[in-house]
Amino acid sequence: LARFLVNVEVPEHMFTDEEVAEVYQQYKDLQEEFKEVHKTSEKFKSQLISPAEIKKAIVQMEEDKTMLEQKVEALHSKLQSTDRFGEMLEACGKLRVEQDEQLKLQERMREQRGHAYQAEQ
């Protein structure tokens, strides 16, 4: 970082030339812009998750998925011989859809209440 912020020494008498003064000001402005961009870059770098951590999380999620698939298959096999299994499975699916819809409606209601509150302000 320091090598990019080294000041170029320009003799004072050179600043009487308008072009030199203007270029030097551009140089200083670019240095300031560089500092800001560097700060932003460092901020983003500190927030990044390393590829190794991401790979580890993916492997863990794949293992969890496999375990869940095995549990679902075991339960499916176990319950398939149960009377009216198909009907119960269909009812469970419908229940899940309705629960998802209920959550969406609750979220929309919360948003609407927020909008109504803001409108009253």
Foldseek 3Di string as FASTA:
>chain_A
DVVLVDDDDDDPVVVVPVVVVVVNVVSVVVSVVVVVVVVVVVVVVVVDDDPVVVVVVVVVVVVVVVVVVVVVVVVCVVCVVPPPSVVVVVVVVVVVVVVVVVVVVVVVVVVVVVVVVVVVD
